[in-house]
Protein backbone atom coordinates (compact mmCIF):
# COMPACT_ATOMS: atom_id res chain seq x y z
CA UNK A 1 -5.16 -25.64 29.40
CA UNK A 2 -7.89 -25.20 26.80
CA UNK A 3 -9.10 -22.07 28.62
CA UNK A 4 -5.59 -20.60 28.41
CA UNK A 5 -5.37 -21.33 24.68
CA UNK A 6 -8.81 -19.81 24.07
CA UNK A 7 -7.94 -16.74 26.18
CA UNK A 8 -4.65 -16.31 24.31
CA UNK A 9 -6.42 -16.65 20.97
CA UNK A 10 -9.04 -14.06 21.92
CA UNK A 11 -6.35 -11.71 23.23
CA UNK A 12 -4.33 -12.11 20.04
CA UNK A 13 -7.42 -11.52 17.92
CA UNK A 14 -8.39 -8.37 19.82
CA UNK A 15 -4.83 -7.07 19.73
CA UNK A 16 -4.74 -7.64 15.99
CA UNK A 17 -8.11 -6.02 15.55
CA UNK A 18 -7.63 -2.96 17.74
CA UNK A 19 -3.87 -2.72 18.28
CA UNK A 20 -2.93 -1.58 14.79
CA UNK A 21 -1.28 1.82 14.53
CA UNK A 22 1.01 3.50 12.02
CA UNK A 23 3.83 3.01 14.52
CA UNK A 24 3.21 -0.76 14.65
CA UNK A 25 3.05 -0.93 10.84
CA UNK A 26 6.31 1.03 10.53
CA UNK A 27 8.07 -1.21 13.04
CA UNK A 28 6.85 -4.37 11.28
CA UNK A 29 8.09 -3.08 7.91
CA UNK A 30 11.44 -1.92 9.33
CA UNK A 31 11.95 -5.28 11.04
CA UNK A 32 10.93 -7.50 8.12
CA UNK A 33 12.14 -5.37 5.20
CA UNK A 34 15.14 -3.34 6.40
CA UNK A 35 16.83 -1.00 3.99
CA UNK A 36 13.97 -0.20 1.63
CA UNK A 37 13.53 3.41 0.57
CA UNK A 38 10.34 5.40 1.05
CA UNK A 39 8.51 8.34 -0.43
CA UNK A 40 5.84 10.11 1.60
CA UNK A 41 2.32 10.76 0.39
CA UNK A 42 3.05 14.50 0.45
CA UNK A 43 6.18 14.05 -1.69
CA UNK A 44 4.39 11.93 -4.29
CA UNK A 45 1.38 14.24 -4.32
CA UNK A 46 3.76 17.16 -4.99
CA UNK A 47 5.17 15.30 -7.99
CA UNK A 48 1.64 14.88 -9.36
CA UNK A 49 1.04 18.63 -8.88
CA UNK A 50 4.32 19.82 -10.43
CA UNK A 51 3.93 19.77 -14.21
CA UNK A 52 7.71 19.82 -14.67
CA UNK A 53 8.34 16.89 -12.32
CA UNK A 54 9.08 13.44 -13.66
CA UNK A 55 6.26 11.16 -12.54
CA UNK A 56 7.64 7.74 -11.64
CA UNK A 57 5.94 4.55 -12.70
CA UNK A 58 3.35 4.04 -9.94
CA UNK A 59 2.47 0.41 -9.25
CA UNK A 60 -0.40 -0.74 -7.05
CA UNK A 61 0.47 -4.20 -5.72
CA UNK A 62 -2.94 -4.87 -4.12
CA UNK A 63 -5.33 -7.50 -5.40
CA UNK A 64 -7.56 -6.64 -8.36
CA UNK A 65 -10.75 -6.24 -6.27
CA UNK A 66 -8.98 -3.65 -4.10
CA UNK A 67 -7.65 -1.81 -7.17
CA UNK A 68 -11.15 -1.65 -8.68
CA UNK A 69 -12.47 0.29 -5.65
CA UNK A 70 -9.78 2.98 -5.95
CA UNK A 71 -6.18 3.64 -6.89
CA UNK A 72 -3.82 6.48 -7.70
CA UNK A 73 -4.23 8.10 -11.09
CA UNK A 74 -2.15 6.36 -13.77
CA UNK A 75 -1.26 3.49 -11.41
CA UNK A 76 -0.71 0.05 -12.88
CA UNK A 77 -1.99 -2.99 -10.97
CA UNK A 78 0.77 -5.63 -10.76
CA UNK A 79 0.90 -7.73 -7.58
CA UNK A 80 4.45 -9.12 -7.65
CA UNK A 81 7.99 -8.17 -8.54
CA UNK A 82 8.04 -10.98 -11.09
CA UNK A 83 5.03 -9.50 -12.93
CA UNK A 84 6.59 -6.04 -12.80
CA UNK A 85 9.87 -7.38 -14.22
CA UNK A 86 7.99 -8.77 -17.24
CA UNK A 87 6.71 -5.27 -18.06
CA UNK A 88 9.47 -2.91 -16.90
CA UNK A 89 12.71 -3.65 -18.72
CA UNK A 90 14.62 -0.56 -17.48
CA UNK A 91 16.00 -1.56 -14.09
CA UNK A 92 16.95 2.08 -13.38
CA UNK A 93 13.44 3.43 -14.03
CA UNK A 94 11.93 5.34 -11.09
CA UNK A 95 9.20 3.16 -9.56
CA UNK A 96 6.84 3.79 -6.65
CA UNK A 97 5.07 0.75 -5.22
CA UNK A 98 2.11 0.93 -2.86
CA UNK A 99 -0.62 -1.16 -1.28
CA UNK A 100 -3.05 -0.41 1.57
CA UNK A 101 -0.60 0.44 4.37
CA UNK A 102 2.83 -0.20 2.84
CA UNK A 103 3.49 -3.72 4.11
CA UNK A 104 2.77 -5.75 0.96
CA UNK A 105 4.45 -3.13 -1.21
CA UNK A 106 7.55 -3.26 1.03
CA UNK A 107 7.84 -6.95 0.19
CA UNK A 108 7.53 -6.16 -3.52
CA UNK A 109 10.17 -3.40 -3.19
CA UNK A 110 12.57 -5.98 -1.73
CA UNK A 111 11.68 -8.45 -4.49
CA UNK A 112 12.42 -5.81 -7.14
CA UNK A 113 15.76 -4.95 -5.53
CA UNK A 114 16.66 -8.65 -5.61
CA UNK A 115 15.78 -8.64 -9.33
CA UNK A 116 18.24 -5.77 -9.89
CA UNK A 117 15.92 -2.73 -9.86
CA UNK A 118 17.80 0.22 -8.38
CA UNK A 119 15.29 3.06 -8.19
CA UNK A 120 12.30 1.64 -6.28
CA UNK A 121 10.59 3.40 -3.38
CA UNK A 122 7.68 2.31 -1.21
CA UNK A 123 4.87 4.80 -0.60
CA UNK A 124 4.94 5.19 3.19
CA UNK A 125 1.53 4.32 4.67
CA UNK A 126 0.42 3.82 1.08
CA UNK A 127 -3.17 4.32 -0.09
CA UNK A 128 -4.71 4.62 3.38
CA UNK A 129 -2.66 7.70 4.28
CA UNK A 130 -3.13 9.06 0.75
CA UNK A 131 -6.91 8.79 1.22
CA UNK A 132 -6.82 10.22 4.74
CA UNK A 133 -4.97 13.25 3.32
CA UNK A 134 -7.81 13.76 0.81
CA UNK A 135 -5.47 13.30 -2.14
CA UNK A 136 -7.22 12.30 -5.37
CA UNK A 137 -8.03 8.69 -6.19
CA UNK A 138 -9.80 7.18 -9.16
CA UNK A 139 -11.59 4.04 -10.25
CA UNK A 140 -13.20 2.93 -13.51
CA UNK A 141 -16.01 5.47 -13.08
CA UNK A 142 -13.78 8.47 -12.33
CA UNK A 143 -12.90 10.22 -9.07
CA UNK A 144 -13.66 8.46 -5.80
CA UNK A 145 -13.13 8.90 -2.07
CA UNK A 146 -13.66 5.20 -1.25
CA UNK A 147 -10.99 2.66 -0.34
CA UNK A 148 -11.06 -1.10 0.07
CA UNK A 149 -10.16 -1.45 3.80
CA UNK A 150 -8.40 -4.83 3.24
CA UNK A 151 -9.66 -6.22 6.57
CA UNK A 152 -11.02 -5.03 9.92
CA UNK A 153 -7.58 -4.81 11.53
CA UNK A 154 -5.83 -2.77 8.83
CA UNK A 155 -9.04 -0.88 8.08
CA UNK A 156 -8.76 1.09 11.34
CA UNK A 157 -5.97 3.07 9.65
CA UNK A 158 -8.28 4.63 7.06
CA UNK A 159 -11.31 6.76 7.85
CA UNK A 160 -14.33 4.47 8.23
CA UNK A 161 -16.44 6.73 5.99
CA UNK A 162 -14.12 5.78 3.12
CA UNK A 163 -14.56 1.99 3.50
CA UNK A 164 -16.03 0.14 0.54
CA UNK A 165 -15.95 -3.59 -0.09
CA UNK A 166 -16.80 -4.99 -3.52
CA UNK A 167 -20.30 -6.42 -3.92
CA UNK A 168 -20.57 -10.11 -3.05
């Protein structure tokens, strides 16, 4: 019995480590957070490029150490819908939320909808796809190409050459 449990644990670990794909992320988000709206990296990038476009409030919901490695230009780092609601009074304001792959930000998008926000979209595939598309990112020192990979499992979705963990 112990051998079966150990084998199942190893199998689950390896599946989690190597079985991550954009398709599996999308299915997990659709299953756990149905009904949220999305914007693609290309669509948001176009808004940044179009000087006449209204840039929505862009909120990075990752942890502070991830945000310090890189984030979208002008993004604000607020990890929860509750924190966002303390800062954003206009519940009709256009808001884009993102994280590493779109899973955590999907949860925040749902939280904001429950708080009455009506114009919230989740950045599909979030910062990892943004980085893989070579769209610009910044940190406290200026432009960067590096991304906090979150963990080994999710990190397979962003080019390994971009991985950067904060110093210990």
